[in-house]
Amino acid sequence: MDDEDSGCGHVFIGQTEHTIVRMPKSCGLGPYARVVSLSEHPNQNSLPQEHQARKRSTEKVYSLSFDYNFLAVPAENGPVL
């Protein structure tokens, strides 16, 4: 989250619900998705070993739920193009 190269910092500003994020190419159906929820994962050791080894000890593991229902984004969030 604190790594400027991760591109994830904006998700943690204000409310995460309805934030539109760019997904990794290996994840999901399209390049963009809508965040439904983001919360600390109950098991902070849940990552595969290779990911756990690269993770900073101060970083937390989160559980992200997303969908492609861009119509659910409230109008006050601004236009979705």
N, C-alpha and C. Protein backbone atom coordinates (compact mmCIF):
# COMPACT_ATOMS: atom_id res chain seq x y z
N MET A 1 0.82 -1.19 0.00
CA MET A 1 0.00 0.00 0.00
C MET A 1 0.87 1.25 0.00
N ASP A 2 2.00 1.23 0.71
CA ASP A 2 2.85 2.42 0.79
C ASP A 2 3.85 2.49 -0.35
N ASP A 3 3.97 1.45 -1.14
CA ASP A 3 4.91 1.43 -2.25
C ASP A 3 4.32 2.22 -3.41
N GLU A 4 5.00 3.29 -3.81
CA GLU A 4 4.47 4.15 -4.88
C GLU A 4 4.33 3.40 -6.20
N ASP A 5 5.10 2.35 -6.41
CA ASP A 5 5.04 1.58 -7.65
C ASP A 5 3.87 0.61 -7.68
N SER A 6 3.22 0.39 -6.53
CA SER A 6 2.14 -0.60 -6.49
C SER A 6 0.87 -0.11 -7.18
N GLY A 7 0.64 1.20 -7.17
CA GLY A 7 -0.57 1.73 -7.77
C GLY A 7 -1.81 1.48 -6.94
N CYS A 8 -1.64 1.14 -5.66
CA CYS A 8 -2.79 0.77 -4.82
C CYS A 8 -3.18 1.82 -3.79
N GLY A 9 -2.36 2.81 -3.58
CA GLY A 9 -2.58 3.77 -2.51
C GLY A 9 -3.92 4.47 -2.57
N HIS A 10 -4.43 4.76 -3.78
CA HIS A 10 -5.68 5.51 -3.89
C HIS A 10 -6.87 4.74 -3.33
N VAL A 11 -6.78 3.42 -3.28
CA VAL A 11 -7.89 2.61 -2.77
C VAL A 11 -8.11 2.87 -1.29
N PHE A 12 -7.07 3.30 -0.57
CA PHE A 12 -7.16 3.49 0.86
C PHE A 12 -7.53 4.92 1.26
N ILE A 13 -7.81 5.76 0.28
CA ILE A 13 -8.22 7.14 0.56
C ILE A 13 -9.74 7.17 0.67
N GLY A 14 -10.25 7.57 1.82
CA GLY A 14 -11.70 7.63 2.02
C GLY A 14 -12.32 6.25 2.01
N GLN A 15 -13.51 6.16 1.46
CA GLN A 15 -14.24 4.89 1.39
C GLN A 15 -13.72 4.06 0.22
N THR A 16 -13.50 2.78 0.44
CA THR A 16 -13.01 1.92 -0.64
C THR A 16 -14.15 1.43 -1.53
N GLU A 17 -15.34 1.28 -0.94
CA GLU A 17 -16.48 0.79 -1.72
C GLU A 17 -16.75 1.72 -2.90
N HIS A 18 -16.95 1.14 -4.06
CA HIS A 18 -17.25 1.82 -5.32
C HIS A 18 -16.01 2.45 -5.98
N THR A 19 -14.82 2.24 -5.42
CA THR A 19 -13.61 2.70 -6.09
C THR A 19 -13.39 1.82 -7.32
N ILE A 20 -13.02 2.42 -8.42
CA ILE A 20 -12.72 1.66 -9.62
C ILE A 20 -11.22 1.43 -9.66
N VAL A 21 -10.83 0.17 -9.83
CA VAL A 21 -9.41 -0.20 -9.81
C VAL A 21 -9.03 -0.91 -11.10
N ARG A 22 -7.78 -0.77 -11.46
CA ARG A 22 -7.24 -1.52 -12.60
C ARG A 22 -6.71 -2.84 -12.07
N MET A 23 -7.18 -3.93 -12.64
CA MET A 23 -6.82 -5.26 -12.18
C MET A 23 -5.56 -5.76 -12.90
N PRO A 24 -4.79 -6.62 -12.23
CA PRO A 24 -3.66 -7.26 -12.93
C PRO A 24 -4.18 -8.06 -14.11
N LYS A 25 -3.38 -8.20 -15.15
CA LYS A 25 -3.82 -8.93 -16.35
C LYS A 25 -4.22 -10.36 -16.04
N SER A 26 -3.63 -10.94 -15.01
CA SER A 26 -3.91 -12.33 -14.67
C SER A 26 -5.14 -12.50 -13.78
N CYS A 27 -5.85 -11.41 -13.51
CA CYS A 27 -6.97 -11.47 -12.57
C CYS A 27 -8.21 -10.81 -13.15
N GLY A 28 -9.30 -11.53 -13.19
CA GLY A 28 -10.56 -10.93 -13.59
C GLY A 28 -10.84 -11.00 -15.07
N LEU A 29 -11.98 -10.42 -15.43
CA LEU A 29 -12.47 -10.47 -16.80
C LEU A 29 -12.06 -9.27 -17.65
N GLY A 30 -11.74 -8.18 -17.01
CA GLY A 30 -11.41 -6.99 -17.76
C GLY A 30 -10.38 -6.16 -17.02
N PRO A 31 -9.94 -5.10 -17.64
CA PRO A 31 -8.88 -4.34 -16.98
C PRO A 31 -9.36 -3.56 -15.75
N TYR A 32 -10.65 -3.27 -15.65
CA TYR A 32 -11.15 -2.47 -14.53
C TYR A 32 -12.26 -3.22 -13.79
N ALA A 33 -12.36 -2.95 -12.50
CA ALA A 33 -13.39 -3.56 -11.66
C ALA A 33 -13.81 -2.54 -10.60
N ARG A 34 -14.96 -2.80 -9.99
CA ARG A 34 -15.49 -1.95 -8.91
C ARG A 34 -15.24 -2.66 -7.59
N VAL A 35 -14.68 -1.94 -6.63
CA VAL A 35 -14.46 -2.52 -5.31
C VAL A 35 -15.80 -2.62 -4.59
N VAL A 36 -16.15 -3.82 -4.14
CA VAL A 36 -17.34 -4.05 -3.34
C VAL A 36 -16.97 -3.91 -1.87
N SER A 37 -15.84 -4.52 -1.48
CA SER A 37 -15.37 -4.39 -0.10
C SER A 37 -13.87 -4.66 -0.04
N LEU A 38 -13.25 -4.10 0.96
CA LEU A 38 -11.83 -4.30 1.22
C LEU A 38 -11.67 -4.31 2.73
N SER A 39 -11.11 -5.41 3.24
CA SER A 39 -10.93 -5.52 4.68
C SER A 39 -9.66 -6.31 4.98
N GLU A 40 -9.16 -6.12 6.19
CA GLU A 40 -7.99 -6.88 6.61
C GLU A 40 -8.35 -8.35 6.60
N HIS A 41 -7.47 -9.15 6.03
CA HIS A 41 -7.70 -10.59 6.00
C HIS A 41 -7.52 -11.16 7.40
N PRO A 42 -8.41 -12.06 7.84
CA PRO A 42 -8.30 -12.58 9.20
C PRO A 42 -7.03 -13.42 9.42
N ASN A 43 -6.47 -13.97 8.34
CA ASN A 43 -5.25 -14.77 8.46
C ASN A 43 -4.13 -14.04 7.74
N GLN A 44 -3.30 -13.33 8.47
CA GLN A 44 -2.23 -12.54 7.88
C GLN A 44 -1.12 -13.40 7.27
N ASN A 45 -1.18 -14.71 7.45
CA ASN A 45 -0.19 -15.62 6.86
C ASN A 45 -0.79 -16.42 5.70
N SER A 46 -1.84 -15.90 5.09
CA SER A 46 -2.56 -16.64 4.06
C SER A 46 -1.91 -16.60 2.67
N LEU A 47 -0.93 -15.74 2.47
CA LEU A 47 -0.31 -15.62 1.16
C LEU A 47 0.55 -16.85 0.85
N PRO A 48 0.69 -17.17 -0.44
CA PRO A 48 1.64 -18.22 -0.81
C PRO A 48 3.05 -17.82 -0.35
N GLN A 49 3.88 -18.79 -0.10
CA GLN A 49 5.21 -18.56 0.46
C GLN A 49 6.02 -17.53 -0.32
N GLU A 50 5.99 -17.60 -1.65
CA GLU A 50 6.79 -16.66 -2.46
C GLU A 50 6.33 -15.22 -2.28
N HIS A 51 5.04 -15.02 -2.10
CA HIS A 51 4.50 -13.67 -1.85
C HIS A 51 4.81 -13.23 -0.42
N GLN A 52 4.66 -14.14 0.52
CA GLN A 52 4.93 -13.83 1.92
C GLN A 52 6.40 -13.40 2.09
N ALA A 53 7.30 -14.03 1.35
CA ALA A 53 8.72 -13.71 1.46
C ALA A 53 9.03 -12.31 0.94
N ARG A 54 8.27 -11.80 -0.04
CA ARG A 54 8.51 -10.47 -0.60
C ARG A 54 7.78 -9.37 0.15
N LYS A 55 6.79 -9.73 0.94
CA LYS A 55 5.98 -8.75 1.66
C LYS A 55 6.77 -8.16 2.83
N ARG A 56 6.72 -6.84 2.96
CA ARG A 56 7.33 -6.20 4.12
C ARG A 56 6.60 -6.62 5.38
N SER A 57 7.33 -6.74 6.46
CA SER A 57 6.71 -7.19 7.72
C SER A 57 5.67 -6.19 8.23
N THR A 58 5.76 -4.94 7.82
CA THR A 58 4.81 -3.92 8.27
C THR A 58 3.54 -3.88 7.42
N GLU A 59 3.54 -4.55 6.27
CA GLU A 59 2.38 -4.55 5.39
C GLU A 59 1.34 -5.56 5.85
N LYS A 60 0.08 -5.20 5.68
CA LYS A 60 -1.02 -6.09 6.03
C LYS A 60 -1.55 -6.78 4.78
N VAL A 61 -2.17 -7.92 4.98
CA VAL A 61 -2.82 -8.66 3.90
C VAL A 61 -4.31 -8.31 3.95
N TYR A 62 -4.87 -7.99 2.79
CA TYR A 62 -6.28 -7.59 2.70
C TYR A 62 -7.06 -8.57 1.85
N SER A 63 -8.34 -8.61 2.07
CA SER A 63 -9.26 -9.39 1.27
C SER A 63 -10.09 -8.42 0.43
N LEU A 64 -10.03 -8.57 -0.88
CA LEU A 64 -10.72 -7.68 -1.81
C LEU A 64 -11.86 -8.42 -2.48
N SER A 65 -13.03 -7.83 -2.42
CA SER A 65 -14.18 -8.34 -3.15
C SER A 65 -14.51 -7.32 -4.23
N PHE A 66 -14.68 -7.79 -5.47
CA PHE A 66 -14.93 -6.87 -6.58
C PHE A 66 -15.95 -7.44 -7.54
N ASP A 67 -16.50 -6.56 -8.37
CA ASP A 67 -17.39 -6.97 -9.44
C ASP A 67 -17.24 -6.00 -10.60
N TYR A 68 -18.11 -6.13 -11.58
CA TYR A 68 -18.06 -5.26 -12.76
C TYR A 68 -19.35 -4.45 -12.91
N ASN A 69 -20.06 -4.28 -11.81
CA ASN A 69 -21.33 -3.56 -11.82
C ASN A 69 -21.05 -2.05 -11.66
N PHE A 70 -20.58 -1.43 -12.70
CA PHE A 70 -20.24 -0.01 -12.64
C PHE A 70 -21.48 0.88 -12.48
N LEU A 71 -22.66 0.35 -12.80
CA LEU A 71 -23.89 1.11 -12.60
C LEU A 71 -24.20 1.30 -11.11
N ALA A 72 -23.58 0.50 -10.25
CA ALA A 72 -23.80 0.63 -8.80
C ALA A 72 -22.99 1.77 -8.19
N VAL A 73 -22.07 2.35 -8.94
CA VAL A 73 -21.28 3.48 -8.43
C VAL A 73 -22.21 4.69 -8.31
N PRO A 74 -22.31 5.28 -7.11
CA PRO A 74 -23.20 6.43 -6.92
C PRO A 74 -22.83 7.62 -7.82
N ALA A 75 -23.83 8.31 -8.27
CA ALA A 75 -23.60 9.47 -9.16
C ALA A 75 -22.71 10.52 -8.52
N GLU A 76 -22.76 10.66 -7.18
CA GLU A 76 -21.94 11.67 -6.52
C GLU A 76 -20.45 11.35 -6.57
N ASN A 77 -20.10 10.13 -6.96
CA ASN A 77 -18.70 9.78 -7.13
C ASN A 77 -18.12 10.34 -8.43
N GLY A 78 -18.97 10.82 -9.28
CA GLY A 78 -18.53 11.35 -10.57
C GLY A 78 -18.86 10.39 -11.68
N PRO A 79 -18.65 10.80 -12.91
CA PRO A 79 -19.01 9.95 -14.05
C PRO A 79 -18.10 8.75 -14.18
N VAL A 80 -18.67 7.66 -14.64
CA VAL A 80 -17.91 6.45 -14.97
C VAL A 80 -17.94 6.34 -16.49
N LEU A 81 -16.78 6.43 -17.08
CA LEU A 81 -16.70 6.40 -18.55
C LEU A 81 -16.13 5.09 -19.02
